[in-house]
Amino acid sequence: MKKTNWIIAGAFALGLAIAPQATAHAADTPSPSKSTASFVANPGELTLVKVPDMNFGTTSVQDLIAGTTLEYQNGNANTNGMSDTSNANQDGTLQVADYRGTSAGWQLSAQAAPFTADHNAVTLGTTTLTFSPMVDTDQSGTQANNLATNTNIYNTNATIWSAAATTGASDEKTGTGTNTLTFTQGVATLKIGATPSAVSGTYQSQITWTLASAPDGQGN
């Protein structure tokens, strides 16, 4: 019995000794393999988000008869009886959003209608409404150009703010993302020529703002 057990154990040990060793082989393809990751970005819109109401303070009939210059005070304009002001705000914000993803640029024009006094027509002397340069303060995308300086919008349509279409230059002001200008005291000037027929009352003008894609000038 003892001999039999010894022979079996020996055979087992011998089997372990002659078992083949595993050999590591290099991959058949020596270079790294590659795959793809992807996602889709849907285009957005070019939108005129906010336009500012403008309060030019108080003057007198005497000053209107002689001619006077008024400066923007704040956004608390008297809006009684005015229409189509859904985008208007009294916090002095002018805002354009461009999420088209094309860097095609855009342009914003404005036109102020003749003032009326308590909704009655009054012919003012030669009048201009102009802006000081203001800088795009929103950093959500690329900046737009500064607001146009000394461009008259009273009773005439004029481009006052724009963003360039991409031409490959790194410093192009393409105005992508959200672009914001904040009106502060003195950034807009209303210059009124001598008006002998001036009357007392609340003077109002409705400003029409038009946003168009550049450079073709088509509406948004």
Protein backbone atom coordinates (compact mmCIF):
# COMPACT_ATOMS: atom_id res chain seq x y z
CA MET A 1 0.00 0.00 0.00
CA LYS A 2 2.71 2.39 0.90
CA LYS A 3 4.63 1.64 -2.31
CA THR A 4 1.60 2.21 -4.48
CA ASN A 5 0.95 5.60 -2.93
CA TRP A 6 4.57 6.62 -3.54
CA ILE A 7 4.45 5.70 -7.22
CA ILE A 8 1.25 7.69 -7.81
CA ALA A 9 2.65 10.76 -6.09
CA GLY A 10 5.81 10.54 -8.12
CA ALA A 11 3.93 10.33 -11.37
CA PHE A 12 1.96 13.44 -10.46
CA ALA A 13 5.10 15.39 -9.66
CA LEU A 14 6.64 14.31 -12.93
CA GLY A 15 3.58 15.53 -14.81
CA LEU A 16 3.99 18.98 -13.31
CA ALA A 17 7.62 19.06 -14.24
CA ILE A 18 7.02 18.38 -17.92
CA ALA A 19 3.90 20.62 -18.41
CA PRO A 20 4.41 23.14 -21.27
CA GLN A 21 5.06 26.77 -20.30
CA ALA A 22 2.67 29.56 -21.58
CA THR A 23 4.36 31.92 -24.04
CA ALA A 24 3.36 35.68 -24.48
CA HIS A 25 2.92 36.79 -28.08
CA ALA A 26 2.84 40.41 -29.37
CA ALA A 27 -0.42 41.72 -30.92
CA ASP A 28 -0.69 41.18 -34.66
CA THR A 29 -1.23 44.97 -35.18
CA PRO A 30 1.72 46.91 -33.75
CA SER A 31 0.09 50.44 -34.01
CA PRO A 32 -2.67 51.74 -31.62
CA SER A 33 -6.28 51.21 -32.68
CA LYS A 34 -8.66 54.17 -33.11
CA SER A 35 -12.41 54.79 -32.72
CA THR A 36 -14.75 57.77 -33.11
CA ALA A 37 -16.79 59.94 -30.69
CA SER A 38 -19.38 62.39 -32.02
CA PHE A 39 -22.26 64.70 -31.15
CA VAL A 40 -24.54 67.14 -33.01
CA ALA A 41 -24.89 70.89 -32.28
CA ASN A 42 -28.16 72.31 -33.61
CA PRO A 43 -28.13 75.95 -34.77
CA GLY A 44 -29.95 78.65 -32.82
CA GLU A 45 -31.25 82.06 -33.86
CA LEU A 46 -30.19 85.68 -34.27
CA THR A 47 -32.39 87.60 -31.83
CA LEU A 48 -32.89 91.17 -30.66
CA VAL A 49 -33.47 90.36 -26.99
CA LYS A 50 -33.84 93.78 -25.34
CA VAL A 51 -34.08 97.44 -26.40
CA PRO A 52 -33.88 100.37 -23.96
CA ASP A 53 -36.48 102.98 -23.11
CA MET A 54 -34.85 106.40 -22.79
CA ASN A 55 -35.63 109.19 -20.36
CA PHE A 56 -34.03 112.53 -21.26
CA GLY A 57 -35.19 114.28 -18.11
CA THR A 58 -36.94 117.64 -17.94
CA THR A 59 -36.62 120.92 -19.81
CA SER A 60 -38.75 124.07 -20.17
CA VAL A 61 -40.75 125.70 -22.92
CA GLN A 62 -38.33 128.64 -22.68
CA ASP A 63 -35.38 126.32 -23.38
CA LEU A 64 -37.20 124.61 -26.24
CA ILE A 65 -37.96 127.96 -27.86
CA ALA A 66 -34.27 128.87 -27.67
CA GLY A 67 -33.02 125.38 -28.52
CA THR A 68 -31.54 122.97 -25.99
CA THR A 69 -29.48 119.81 -25.48
CA LEU A 70 -30.68 116.98 -23.27
CA GLU A 71 -28.79 113.91 -22.11
CA TYR A 72 -29.98 110.39 -21.35
CA GLN A 73 -30.77 110.10 -17.64
CA ASN A 74 -32.14 106.59 -17.18
CA GLY A 75 -34.62 104.12 -18.63
CA ASN A 76 -37.69 105.47 -16.85
CA ALA A 77 -39.36 106.91 -19.94
CA ASN A 78 -43.07 107.77 -19.95
CA THR A 79 -44.54 104.97 -22.08
CA ASN A 80 -48.24 105.83 -21.73
CA GLY A 81 -50.03 105.35 -25.02
CA MET A 82 -47.05 103.84 -26.81
CA SER A 83 -47.38 100.52 -28.70
CA ASP A 84 -45.24 97.58 -29.85
CA THR A 85 -42.87 97.74 -26.90
CA SER A 86 -42.69 94.03 -26.03
CA ASN A 87 -38.84 93.99 -26.08
CA ALA A 88 -38.46 97.32 -24.29
CA ASN A 89 -36.95 97.60 -20.83
CA GLN A 90 -36.24 100.37 -18.36
CA ASP A 91 -32.91 99.03 -17.08
CA GLY A 92 -30.92 100.54 -19.94
CA THR A 93 -30.05 97.25 -21.64
CA LEU A 94 -29.52 96.77 -25.36
CA GLN A 95 -28.93 93.09 -26.11
CA VAL A 96 -28.40 90.99 -29.24
CA ALA A 97 -27.99 87.19 -29.16
CA ASP A 98 -26.42 85.26 -32.02
CA TYR A 99 -26.53 81.48 -31.62
CA ARG A 100 -26.69 80.58 -35.31
CA GLY A 101 -23.18 79.14 -35.19
CA THR A 102 -22.24 80.68 -38.54
CA SER A 103 -20.16 83.74 -37.49
CA ALA A 104 -21.96 85.51 -40.35
CA GLY A 105 -22.11 88.81 -38.48
CA TRP A 106 -25.08 91.12 -37.97
CA GLN A 107 -26.08 94.78 -37.94
CA LEU A 108 -28.55 96.73 -35.81
CA SER A 109 -30.20 99.93 -37.02
CA ALA A 110 -32.47 102.36 -35.19
CA GLN A 111 -34.85 105.16 -36.13
CA ALA A 112 -36.55 107.59 -33.74
CA ALA A 113 -39.87 108.97 -34.94
CA PRO A 114 -40.63 112.72 -34.59
CA PHE A 115 -41.59 113.74 -31.05
CA THR A 116 -45.16 114.52 -30.16
CA ALA A 117 -46.34 116.50 -27.15
CA ASP A 118 -49.08 114.57 -25.33
CA HIS A 119 -49.60 112.75 -28.66
CA ASN A 120 -50.12 115.98 -30.59
CA ALA A 121 -47.74 116.76 -33.43
CA VAL A 122 -45.20 119.46 -32.70
CA THR A 123 -42.56 120.45 -35.21
CA LEU A 124 -39.28 120.69 -33.35
CA GLY A 125 -36.32 122.62 -34.64
CA THR A 126 -33.49 120.62 -36.20
CA THR A 127 -33.12 117.61 -33.92
CA THR A 128 -30.49 114.88 -33.56
CA LEU A 129 -30.35 111.80 -31.33
CA THR A 130 -26.85 110.33 -31.09
CA PHE A 131 -24.87 107.95 -28.90
CA SER A 132 -21.47 107.88 -27.26
CA PRO A 133 -19.28 104.81 -27.89
CA MET A 134 -20.27 101.88 -25.70
CA VAL A 135 -18.42 98.58 -25.37
CA ASP A 136 -19.95 95.10 -25.47
CA THR A 137 -19.64 93.91 -21.86
CA ASP A 138 -20.90 90.34 -22.30
CA GLN A 139 -18.23 87.64 -22.56
CA SER A 140 -20.46 84.66 -23.43
CA GLY A 141 -19.13 84.60 -27.00
CA THR A 142 -17.07 86.92 -29.19
CA GLN A 143 -17.51 90.67 -28.81
CA ALA A 144 -19.34 92.90 -31.27
CA ASN A 145 -17.98 96.26 -32.40
CA ASN A 146 -18.46 99.35 -30.22
CA LEU A 147 -21.71 101.27 -30.62
CA ALA A 148 -21.38 103.79 -33.46
CA THR A 149 -20.43 107.27 -32.27
CA ASN A 150 -22.34 110.42 -33.25
CA THR A 151 -24.63 108.58 -35.66
CA ASN A 152 -27.97 110.39 -35.83
CA ILE A 153 -31.08 108.20 -35.62
CA TYR A 154 -33.70 110.97 -35.32
CA ASN A 155 -36.18 110.72 -38.18
CA THR A 156 -33.66 108.63 -40.13
CA ASN A 157 -32.71 104.95 -40.11
CA ALA A 158 -29.03 104.37 -39.33
CA THR A 159 -26.84 101.40 -38.39
CA ILE A 160 -25.55 101.90 -34.86
CA TRP A 161 -24.16 98.49 -33.82
CA SER A 162 -22.62 95.67 -35.83
CA ALA A 163 -20.55 92.51 -35.83
CA ALA A 164 -18.28 91.42 -38.66
CA ALA A 165 -18.56 88.22 -40.65
CA THR A 166 -15.57 85.92 -40.12
CA THR A 167 -12.71 86.54 -42.53
CA GLY A 168 -10.10 84.46 -40.73
CA ALA A 169 -8.56 87.29 -38.71
CA SER A 170 -8.22 86.45 -35.03
CA ASP A 171 -9.41 89.87 -33.87
CA GLU A 172 -12.65 89.99 -35.85
CA LYS A 173 -15.63 91.23 -33.79
CA THR A 174 -18.06 88.52 -34.87
CA GLY A 175 -20.60 89.06 -32.06
CA THR A 176 -21.45 85.42 -31.39
CA GLY A 177 -23.26 84.46 -28.19
CA THR A 178 -24.93 87.19 -26.16
CA ASN A 179 -23.89 90.82 -26.69
CA THR A 180 -24.90 93.46 -24.14
CA LEU A 181 -24.63 97.24 -23.94
CA THR A 182 -25.70 99.06 -20.79
CA PHE A 183 -26.89 102.66 -21.12
CA THR A 184 -25.67 104.95 -18.35
CA GLN A 185 -26.24 108.65 -17.77
CA GLY A 186 -24.95 110.80 -20.60
CA VAL A 187 -24.38 108.08 -23.22
CA ALA A 188 -27.14 109.41 -25.49
CA THR A 189 -27.64 113.04 -26.48
CA LEU A 190 -30.81 114.72 -27.77
CA LYS A 191 -30.06 118.05 -29.41
CA ILE A 192 -33.11 120.18 -30.26
CA GLY A 193 -32.91 123.30 -32.40
CA ALA A 194 -34.87 126.47 -31.68
CA THR A 195 -38.59 125.65 -31.59
CA PRO A 196 -40.75 128.82 -31.50
CA SER A 197 -43.95 126.70 -31.53
CA ALA A 198 -42.95 124.68 -28.43
CA VAL A 199 -45.77 123.75 -26.04
CA SER A 200 -45.78 122.29 -22.56
CA GLY A 201 -46.47 118.59 -22.04
CA THR A 202 -44.86 115.17 -22.22
CA TYR A 203 -42.88 114.68 -25.41
CA GLN A 204 -42.56 111.14 -26.76
CA SER A 205 -40.86 109.46 -29.71
CA GLN A 206 -41.04 105.79 -30.61
CA ILE A 207 -37.74 104.20 -31.62
CA THR A 208 -37.79 101.33 -34.11
CA TRP A 209 -34.86 98.91 -33.81
CA THR A 210 -34.13 96.52 -36.70
CA LEU A 211 -31.70 93.60 -36.51
CA ALA A 212 -30.41 92.08 -39.74
CA SER A 213 -27.87 89.45 -40.70
CA ALA A 214 -24.64 90.74 -42.23
CA PRO A 215 -23.23 91.17 -44.77
CA ASP A 216 -26.34 90.53 -46.90
CA GLY A 217 -28.52 92.71 -44.66
CA GLN A 218 -31.38 90.22 -44.57
CA GLY A 219 -33.69 90.25 -41.57
CA ASN A 220 -33.27 87.71 -38.81
